[in-house]
């Protein structure tokens, strides 16, 4: 069985129940162009979990996935940029992140 490459990221939402509800509603009907961009980048599975206003994203990728390539693809995709701008109305950076940094990679500290 091939190795599955997994990534885990964290991000916060603005701590406002109405904004959180709206953010979740968008994620019940993600735009088809966004789904296509995710798949085209070699992401085979993507899940987002929420506790209060903290988000955790788990991503599984195939051998074609490259983070720099994904970032370049996103920068050139007008619909992805529109989605990211819209989502930023609901999101906020984690404490201690660099300016402009959104989803932050988490380090695995245990595996069974």
Protein backbone atom coordinates (compact mmCIF):
# COMPACT_ATOMS: atom_id res chain seq x y z
CA UNK A 1 0.00 0.00 0.00
CA UNK A 2 1.46 3.40 -0.93
CA UNK A 3 2.45 5.92 1.68
CA UNK A 4 -0.21 8.60 2.26
CA UNK A 5 1.17 12.07 2.65
CA UNK A 6 -0.76 14.04 5.25
CA UNK A 7 -0.63 17.66 6.26
CA UNK A 8 -2.31 19.34 9.20
CA UNK A 9 -2.98 23.07 9.45
CA UNK A 10 -4.61 25.40 11.98
CA UNK A 11 -6.39 28.73 11.69
CA UNK A 12 -8.84 30.72 13.78
CA UNK A 13 -12.20 32.18 12.89
CA UNK A 14 -13.30 35.53 14.23
CA UNK A 15 -15.02 34.76 17.50
CA UNK A 16 -18.51 35.79 16.42
CA UNK A 17 -21.31 33.18 16.27
CA UNK A 18 -22.96 34.78 13.22
CA UNK A 19 -19.68 34.84 11.29
CA UNK A 20 -18.90 31.25 12.28
CA UNK A 21 -22.35 30.15 11.11
CA UNK A 22 -21.87 31.94 7.77
CA UNK A 23 -18.40 30.40 7.33
CA UNK A 24 -19.81 26.92 7.91
CA UNK A 25 -22.63 27.61 5.46
CA UNK A 26 -20.11 28.44 2.72
CA UNK A 27 -18.37 25.15 3.44
CA UNK A 28 -21.60 23.21 2.91
CA UNK A 29 -21.58 24.44 -0.70
CA UNK A 30 -17.97 25.11 -1.66
CA UNK A 31 -17.74 26.64 -5.12
CA UNK A 32 -16.99 24.02 -7.82
CA UNK A 33 -13.96 26.01 -9.01
CA UNK A 34 -12.46 25.72 -5.52
CA UNK A 35 -13.04 21.96 -5.42
CA UNK A 36 -11.42 21.68 -8.87
CA UNK A 37 -8.40 23.72 -7.78
CA UNK A 38 -7.93 21.49 -4.73
CA UNK A 39 -8.08 18.30 -6.79
CA UNK A 40 -5.89 19.73 -9.58
CA UNK A 41 -3.16 20.38 -7.00
CA UNK A 42 -2.95 16.70 -6.05
CA UNK A 43 -5.00 16.97 -2.86
CA UNK A 44 -7.00 13.76 -2.61
CA UNK A 45 -8.76 14.35 0.70
CA UNK A 46 -9.35 17.50 2.71
CA UNK A 47 -11.29 17.86 5.96
CA UNK A 48 -11.81 20.89 8.19
CA UNK A 49 -12.75 20.49 11.85
CA UNK A 50 -13.86 23.23 14.24
CA UNK A 51 -13.80 23.67 17.99
CA UNK A 52 -15.21 27.04 19.09
CA UNK A 53 -13.40 29.42 16.73
CA UNK A 54 -10.33 27.19 16.14
CA UNK A 55 -10.07 25.32 12.84
CA UNK A 56 -7.93 22.31 11.98
CA UNK A 57 -7.51 21.15 8.39
CA UNK A 58 -6.31 17.66 7.49
CA UNK A 59 -5.07 17.13 3.97
CA UNK A 60 -4.01 13.98 2.16
CA UNK A 61 -2.08 14.40 -1.07
CA UNK A 62 -0.74 12.28 -3.90
CA UNK A 63 2.77 12.30 -5.39
CA UNK A 64 1.93 15.27 -7.67
CA UNK A 65 1.30 17.65 -4.74
CA UNK A 66 3.81 20.45 -4.23
CA UNK A 67 3.01 23.33 -1.82
CA UNK A 68 4.86 25.91 -3.92
CA UNK A 69 3.07 24.75 -7.08
CA UNK A 70 -0.29 24.93 -5.27
CA UNK A 71 0.45 28.48 -4.09
CA UNK A 72 1.39 29.54 -7.63
CA UNK A 73 -1.74 27.92 -9.07
CA UNK A 74 -3.89 29.70 -6.48
CA UNK A 75 -2.23 33.07 -7.16
CA UNK A 76 -3.13 32.76 -10.86
CA UNK A 77 -6.72 31.59 -10.29
CA UNK A 78 -9.16 34.50 -10.04
CA UNK A 79 -11.91 32.37 -8.48
CA UNK A 80 -9.55 31.04 -5.79
CA UNK A 81 -8.48 34.61 -5.02
CA UNK A 82 -12.13 35.66 -4.78
CA UNK A 83 -12.84 32.74 -2.39
CA UNK A 84 -9.78 33.53 -0.25
CA UNK A 85 -10.75 37.19 0.02
CA UNK A 86 -14.28 36.21 1.01
CA UNK A 87 -13.08 33.64 3.59
CA UNK A 88 -10.71 36.17 5.17
CA UNK A 89 -13.79 38.12 6.31
CA UNK A 90 -14.44 35.21 8.69
CA UNK A 91 -10.88 34.09 9.47
CA UNK A 92 -8.13 35.55 11.62
CA UNK A 93 -4.50 34.61 11.95
CA UNK A 94 -3.33 32.51 14.86
CA UNK A 95 -1.37 34.34 17.56
CA UNK A 96 2.32 34.50 16.68
CA UNK A 97 1.93 34.10 12.91
CA UNK A 98 3.70 36.24 10.34
CA UNK A 99 1.80 39.07 8.63
CA UNK A 100 -0.39 37.70 5.86
CA UNK A 101 -0.03 34.11 7.06
CA UNK A 102 -3.28 32.15 7.19
CA UNK A 103 -3.36 28.37 7.57
CA UNK A 104 -0.31 27.39 9.65
CA UNK A 105 1.28 23.97 9.40
CA UNK A 106 1.09 21.91 12.59
CA UNK A 107 3.86 19.56 13.73
CA UNK A 108 3.01 15.94 14.47
CA UNK A 109 4.13 15.13 17.99
CA UNK A 110 2.74 11.60 18.30
CA UNK A 111 1.69 8.75 16.05
CA UNK A 112 0.34 5.29 16.92
